[in-house]
C-alpha atoms as a PDB file:
ATOM      1  CA  MET A   1       0.197  -0.260   0.076  1.00  0.00           C
ATOM      2  CA  PRO A   2       1.471   3.481  -0.919  1.00  0.00           C
ATOM      3  CA  GLN A   3       2.642   5.156   2.092  1.00  0.00           C
ATOM      4  CA  LEU A   4       4.154   8.967   2.623  1.00  0.00           C
ATOM      5  CA  ARG A   5       6.091   9.946   5.471  1.00  0.00           C
ATOM      6  CA  ARG A   6       7.740  13.476   6.246  1.00  0.00           C
ATOM      7  CA  VAL A   7      11.342  12.701   7.575  1.00  0.00           C
ATOM      8  CA  GLY A   8      12.094  14.427  10.918  1.00  0.00           C
ATOM      9  CA  ASP A   9       8.418  13.294  12.278  1.00  0.00           C
ATOM     10  CA  GLY A  10       6.838  10.499  10.550  1.00  0.00           C
ATOM     11  CA  ALA A  11       4.065  12.670  10.024  1.00  0.00           C
ATOM     12  CA  GLY A  12       2.069  11.555   6.695  1.00  0.00           C
ATOM     13  CA  ASP A  13      -0.612   9.051   5.731  1.00  0.00           C
ATOM     14  CA  SER A  14      -1.131   5.772   3.302  1.00  0.00           C
ATOM     15  CA  GLY A  15      -3.923   4.427   1.237  1.00  0.00           C
ATOM     16  CA  GLY A  16      -4.841   3.840  -2.155  1.00  0.00           C
ATOM     17  CA  ARG A  17      -5.245   7.165  -3.343  1.00  0.00           C
ATOM     18  CA  VAL A  18      -2.346   8.877  -4.728  1.00  0.00           C
ATOM     19  CA  GLU A  19      -2.191  11.890  -7.177  1.00  0.00           C
ATOM     20  CA  ALA A  20       0.582  13.971  -8.518  1.00  0.00           C
ATOM     21  CA  ILE A  21      -1.659  17.782  -8.498  1.00  0.00           C
ATOM     22  CA  ARG A  22      -0.906  20.360 -10.323  1.00  0.00           C
ATOM     23  CA  TRP A  23      -1.769  23.875  -9.468  1.00  0.00           C
ATOM     24  CA  LYS A  24      -2.993  26.862 -11.449  1.00  0.00           C
ATOM     25  CA  GLU A  25      -0.762  30.346 -11.249  1.00  0.00           C
ATOM     26  CA  ASP A  26      -4.140  31.858  -8.665  1.00  0.00           C
ATOM     27  CA  GLY A  27      -3.054  28.810  -6.717  1.00  0.00           C
ATOM     28  CA  THR A  28      -6.662  26.860  -7.598  1.00  0.00           C
ATOM     29  CA  MET A  29      -6.206  23.085  -8.299  1.00  0.00           C
ATOM     30  CA  ASP A  30      -5.668  22.516 -12.473  1.00  0.00           C
ATOM     31  CA  LYS A  31      -5.392  18.631 -12.865  1.00  0.00           C
ATOM     32  CA  VAL A  32      -4.137  15.394 -11.476  1.00  0.00           C
ATOM     33  CA  VAL A  33      -1.423  14.650 -13.320  1.00  0.00           C
ATOM     34  CA  GLY A  34      -0.122  11.351 -12.024  1.00  0.00           C
ATOM     35  CA  ASP A  35      -0.107   8.910  -9.383  1.00  0.00           C
ATOM     36  CA  MET A  36       4.179   9.734  -8.434  1.00  0.00           C
ATOM     37  CA  PRO A  37       6.325  12.559  -6.881  1.00  0.00           C
ATOM     38  CA  ILE A  38       6.306  15.448  -9.739  1.00  0.00           C
ATOM     39  CA  VAL A  39       8.660  18.285  -9.317  1.00  0.00           C
ATOM     40  CA  GLY A  40       6.073  21.438  -9.691  1.00  0.00           C
ATOM     41  CA  CYS A  41       3.298  19.331  -8.279  1.00  0.00           C
ATOM     42  CA  SER A  42       1.902  18.244  -4.533  1.00  0.00           C
ATOM     43  CA  LEU A  43       1.573  14.680  -3.907  1.00  0.00           C
ATOM     44  CA  LEU A  44      -1.763  13.608  -1.704  1.00  0.00           C
ATOM     45  CA  VAL A  45      -1.891  10.203  -0.376  1.00  0.00           C
ATOM     46  CA  GLY A  46      -4.347   8.759   1.219  1.00  0.00           C
ATOM     47  CA  SER A  47      -7.785   6.936   1.746  1.00  0.00           C
ATOM     48  CA  ILE A  48      -9.833   6.517  -1.469  1.00  0.00           C
ATOM     49  CA  HIS A  49     -12.907   6.278   1.034  1.00  0.00           C
ATOM     50  CA  THR A  50     -13.777   9.197   3.477  1.00  0.00           C
ATOM     51  CA  ARG A  51     -12.749   7.765   6.907  1.00  0.00           C
ATOM     52  CA  MET A  52     -14.886   7.518  10.260  1.00  0.00           C
ATOM     53  CA  PHE A  53     -12.004   9.200  12.756  1.00  0.00           C
ATOM     54  CA  GLY A  54      -8.708  11.182  11.381  1.00  0.00           C
ATOM     55  CA  GLN A  55      -7.962  12.350   8.455  1.00  0.00           C
ATOM     56  CA  ASP A  56      -8.796  11.331   5.120  1.00  0.00           C
ATOM     57  CA  TYR A  57      -5.071  12.168   2.988  1.00  0.00           C
ATOM     58  CA  TRP A  58      -2.007  14.256   3.467  1.00  0.00           C
ATOM     59  CA  LEU A  59      -1.564  16.495   1.042  1.00  0.00           C
ATOM     60  CA  THR A  60       2.112  18.240   0.284  1.00  0.00           C
ATOM     61  CA  THR A  61       3.563  21.767  -0.971  1.00  0.00           C
ATOM     62  CA  PRO A  62       4.762  21.462  -4.293  1.00  0.00           C
ATOM     63  CA  ILE A  63       7.485  19.690  -4.733  1.00  0.00           C
ATOM     64  CA  THR A  64      10.998  21.144  -5.487  1.00  0.00           C
ATOM     65  CA  LYS A  65      13.279  18.472  -6.142  1.00  0.00           C
ATOM     66  CA  ILE A  66      13.545  14.308  -6.247  1.00  0.00           C
ATOM     67  CA  LEU A  67      16.775  13.367  -3.724  1.00  0.00           C
ATOM     68  CA  GLU A  68      16.486   9.556  -4.672  1.00  0.00           C
ATOM     69  CA  GLU A  69      14.256   7.264  -6.912  1.00  0.00           C
ATOM     70  CA  LYS A  70      14.696   3.781  -6.681  1.00  0.00           C
ATOM     71  CA  PRO A  71      12.013   0.662  -7.369  1.00  0.00           C
ATOM     72  CA  GLY A  72       9.212   1.285  -4.878  1.00  0.00           C
ATOM     73  CA  TYR A  73      10.851   4.268  -3.316  1.00  0.00           C
ATOM     74  CA  VAL A  74      11.084   7.884  -3.416  1.00  0.00           C
ATOM     75  CA  ARG A  75      12.679  10.833  -1.267  1.00  0.00           C
ATOM     76  CA  PHE A  76      11.992  14.442  -2.426  1.00  0.00           C
ATOM     77  CA  LYS A  77      12.137  18.226  -0.931  1.00  0.00           C
ATOM     78  CA  THR A  78       8.990  20.385  -1.253  1.00  0.00           C
ATOM     79  CA  TRP A  79       8.969  24.040  -0.199  1.00  0.00           C
ATOM     80  CA  ASN A  80       9.123  23.085   3.703  1.00  0.00           C
ATOM     81  CA  SER A  81       9.924  19.778   3.941  1.00  0.00           C
ATOM     82  CA  GLU A  82      11.353  16.288   3.224  1.00  0.00           C
ATOM     83  CA  TYR A  83       9.439  13.038   2.425  1.00  0.00           C
ATOM     84  CA  GLU A  84       9.641   9.698   1.527  1.00  0.00           C
ATOM     85  CA  PHE A  85       7.184   7.834  -0.493  1.00  0.00           C
ATOM     86  CA  THR A  86       6.870   4.385  -1.246  1.00  0.00           C
ATOM     87  CA  HIS A  87       4.494   2.233  -3.574  1.00  0.00           C
END
């Protein structure tokens, strides 16, 4: 199952919903452009269904750099954090 964890404190989420989201210049969502981390896009990872308690997903700020990529694993930086994504 895909999992997103912030390096340092382990915050994040896991689940079957993975979306690389591209944003318009005005800050509104443009469209989903993939299901892997993409520079310039935010990554959303979470449940495909609404959960009864807690959060439904985790959404990063836009990705600025891919630090490491290997089969089943991507480490990347966003505007304000560093993450590990496994799938």
